[in-house]
Amino acid sequence: MRGGGNAPPRNVLILGVGNLLLTDDGFGVHCINAMREIQFPPNVTVMESGTVGHQLVPTLNEIDLLIVVDAIEAGDTPGSIFRFTPEDLQFKSGIKSSLHQLSLIDVLQMAEMTGSRPETIIIAVQPRDVKSCSMELNEEVKAVIPRVIELVLEELKKRGMC
């Protein structure tokens, strides 16, 4: 990870992950779409991704902080919000991650092998339904979008970037 006293501003990627066609699985993408109205500093990029794939490795090698917004099956109440790191996924047996969380870990490891691994924060919501075909979020999941956006902004503020 880059950094230091006189280092240029940190490069940040806010990445919304999910499948818009599978109801609440599209949560991350819906959040990114809601964030499009926010004026972020030039070193902050907001991007949606259906899934996290190896094509992101070059991008990850150029950023210092990755904030992922997604849905995660944690067996909790729909709309519950979680904040964790990839390292937390390896130790918390109670959380069952979706396929794109698992591939996120793989992609981060690939980035580390080819350059550098960004500091990574994951902010995720417990979905109600990720199997039905719909582009609409369930109400209890949709209702937490403003809070998740606040949490993303808090992560940036903690680092003096917003």
Protein backbone atom coordinates (compact mmCIF):
# COMPACT_ATOMS: atom_id res chain seq x y z
CA MET A 1 0.00 0.00 0.00
CA ARG A 2 1.24 3.45 -0.85
CA GLY A 3 1.48 6.17 1.74
CA GLY A 4 3.78 8.46 3.64
CA GLY A 5 4.11 11.99 4.92
CA ASN A 6 4.38 13.78 1.57
CA ALA A 7 2.59 11.17 -0.52
CA PRO A 8 0.05 12.26 -3.12
CA PRO A 9 -3.64 11.90 -2.17
CA ARG A 10 -4.66 8.29 -1.72
CA ASN A 11 -6.54 6.73 -4.59
CA VAL A 12 -9.86 5.22 -3.56
CA LEU A 13 -12.27 2.92 -5.36
CA ILE A 14 -15.84 2.55 -4.08
CA LEU A 15 -17.09 -0.62 -5.76
CA GLY A 16 -20.73 -1.74 -5.79
CA VAL A 17 -21.09 -5.46 -6.44
CA GLY A 18 -24.14 -7.53 -7.32
CA ASN A 19 -26.59 -8.75 -9.89
CA LEU A 20 -29.35 -6.21 -10.55
CA LEU A 21 -31.61 -8.94 -11.93
CA LEU A 22 -31.72 -10.94 -8.67
CA THR A 23 -33.65 -8.65 -6.32
CA ASP A 24 -31.53 -7.82 -3.24
CA ASP A 25 -28.32 -9.20 -4.76
CA GLY A 26 -28.18 -5.92 -6.69
CA PHE A 27 -27.87 -3.89 -3.48
CA GLY A 28 -24.29 -2.78 -4.12
CA VAL A 29 -25.10 -1.54 -7.61
CA HIS A 30 -28.20 0.31 -6.35
CA CYS A 31 -26.02 2.04 -3.71
CA ILE A 32 -23.46 3.09 -6.32
CA ASN A 33 -26.24 4.51 -8.49
CA ALA A 34 -27.49 6.51 -5.49
CA MET A 35 -23.93 7.82 -4.88
CA ARG A 36 -23.62 9.22 -8.40
CA GLU A 37 -25.07 12.53 -7.15
CA ILE A 38 -22.31 12.98 -4.56
CA GLN A 39 -19.33 15.18 -5.44
CA PHE A 40 -16.31 13.08 -4.51
CA PRO A 41 -12.73 14.35 -4.64
CA PRO A 42 -10.89 13.52 -7.88
CA ASN A 43 -8.92 10.71 -6.22
CA VAL A 44 -12.15 8.82 -5.41
CA THR A 45 -13.69 6.64 -8.12
CA VAL A 46 -17.20 5.19 -7.84
CA MET A 47 -17.82 2.09 -9.93
CA GLU A 48 -20.32 -0.73 -10.22
CA SER A 49 -19.44 -4.30 -11.00
CA GLY A 50 -21.80 -7.20 -11.53
CA THR A 51 -19.21 -9.49 -9.98
CA VAL A 52 -15.62 -9.05 -8.94
CA GLY A 53 -13.34 -10.60 -11.53
CA HIS A 54 -9.71 -10.85 -12.43
CA GLN A 55 -10.08 -7.86 -14.80
CA LEU A 56 -10.09 -5.65 -11.68
CA VAL A 57 -6.53 -6.64 -10.71
CA PRO A 58 -4.82 -3.78 -12.63
CA THR A 59 -7.24 -1.29 -11.06
CA LEU A 60 -6.59 -2.68 -7.58
CA ASN A 61 -2.85 -2.25 -8.13
CA GLU A 62 -3.42 1.49 -8.64
CA ILE A 63 -5.55 2.19 -5.56
CA ASP A 64 -4.80 2.48 -1.86
CA LEU A 65 -8.29 1.98 -0.44
CA LEU A 66 -11.09 -0.24 -1.72
CA ILE A 67 -14.57 0.11 -0.25
CA VAL A 68 -16.88 -2.67 -1.43
CA VAL A 69 -20.66 -2.36 -1.07
CA ASP A 70 -22.53 -5.64 -1.42
CA ALA A 71 -25.13 -8.05 -0.06
CA ILE A 72 -23.99 -10.88 2.21
CA GLU A 73 -25.86 -13.88 3.54
CA ALA A 74 -25.17 -13.76 7.26
CA GLY A 75 -28.37 -15.36 8.56
CA ASP A 76 -29.50 -12.06 10.11
CA THR A 77 -32.56 -9.84 9.72
CA PRO A 78 -32.97 -8.44 6.18
CA GLY A 79 -31.55 -4.93 6.09
CA SER A 80 -28.93 -5.61 8.78
CA ILE A 81 -25.66 -3.86 7.95
CA PHE A 82 -22.17 -5.30 8.41
CA ARG A 83 -18.72 -3.71 8.16
CA PHE A 84 -15.72 -6.00 7.89
CA THR A 85 -12.47 -6.70 6.10
CA PRO A 86 -11.49 -9.70 3.95
CA GLU A 87 -9.41 -10.93 6.88
CA ASP A 88 -12.55 -11.04 9.03
CA LEU A 89 -14.18 -13.43 6.55
CA GLN A 90 -11.46 -15.98 7.17
CA PHE A 91 -12.09 -16.04 10.92
CA LYS A 92 -15.81 -15.59 11.46
CA SER A 93 -17.46 -18.93 10.90
CA GLY A 94 -20.95 -17.51 11.50
CA ILE A 95 -20.95 -15.44 8.32
CA LYS A 96 -21.57 -17.25 5.06
CA SER A 97 -20.49 -15.05 2.18
CA SER A 98 -21.92 -14.96 -1.29
CA LEU A 99 -19.93 -16.09 -4.30
CA HIS A 100 -18.72 -12.60 -5.11
CA GLN A 101 -17.26 -12.15 -1.62
CA LEU A 102 -15.23 -15.31 -2.10
CA SER A 103 -14.02 -14.17 -5.47
CA LEU A 104 -13.17 -10.77 -3.97
CA ILE A 105 -10.66 -12.48 -1.68
CA ASP A 106 -9.18 -14.32 -4.66
CA VAL A 107 -8.92 -11.10 -6.67
CA LEU A 108 -7.26 -9.29 -3.75
CA GLN A 109 -4.73 -12.10 -3.45
CA MET A 110 -4.05 -11.86 -7.20
CA ALA A 111 -3.54 -8.11 -6.87
CA GLU A 112 -1.09 -8.68 -4.04
CA MET A 113 0.89 -11.17 -6.14
CA THR A 114 1.09 -8.74 -9.08
CA GLY A 115 1.74 -5.47 -7.31
CA SER A 116 -0.02 -4.34 -4.18
CA ARG A 117 -3.14 -5.06 -2.22
CA PRO A 118 -5.28 -2.09 -1.23
CA GLU A 119 -6.67 -1.65 2.25
CA THR A 120 -10.15 -3.13 1.87
CA ILE A 121 -13.36 -2.38 3.76
CA ILE A 122 -16.59 -4.23 2.97
CA ILE A 123 -19.95 -2.74 3.87
CA ALA A 124 -22.70 -5.26 3.26
CA VAL A 125 -26.38 -5.73 3.91
CA GLN A 126 -28.33 -8.86 4.74
CA PRO A 127 -30.67 -9.50 1.79
CA ARG A 128 -34.17 -10.93 2.03
CA ASP A 129 -34.22 -12.47 -1.45
CA VAL A 130 -31.41 -13.07 -3.93
CA LYS A 131 -33.14 -15.74 -6.03
CA SER A 132 -36.21 -14.02 -7.46
CA CYS A 133 -35.90 -12.20 -10.76
CA SER A 134 -36.57 -8.53 -10.10
CA MET A 135 -34.67 -5.29 -10.45
CA GLU A 136 -36.41 -3.90 -7.34
CA LEU A 137 -34.96 -4.21 -3.87
CA ASN A 138 -37.14 -5.39 -1.02
CA GLU A 139 -38.26 -2.48 1.18
CA GLU A 140 -36.21 -3.37 4.27
CA VAL A 141 -33.06 -3.59 2.13
CA LYS A 142 -33.82 -0.47 0.10
CA ALA A 143 -34.43 1.47 3.32
CA VAL A 144 -30.78 1.10 4.45
CA ILE A 145 -29.20 2.62 1.31
CA PRO A 146 -28.88 6.09 2.94
CA ARG A 147 -27.21 4.59 6.03
CA VAL A 148 -24.77 2.55 3.91
CA ILE A 149 -23.85 5.70 1.98
CA GLU A 150 -23.24 7.45 5.32
CA LEU A 151 -20.94 4.60 6.36
CA VAL A 152 -18.97 4.87 3.11
CA LEU A 153 -18.58 8.62 3.65
CA GLU A 154 -17.49 8.00 7.25
CA GLU A 155 -14.73 5.68 5.99
CA LEU A 156 -13.49 8.47 3.72
CA LYS A 157 -13.75 11.10 6.48
CA LYS A 158 -11.76 8.91 8.91
CA ARG A 159 -8.94 9.06 6.39
CA GLY A 160 -9.29 12.80 5.71
CA MET A 161 -10.53 12.27 2.16
CA CYS A 162 -13.97 13.82 2.23
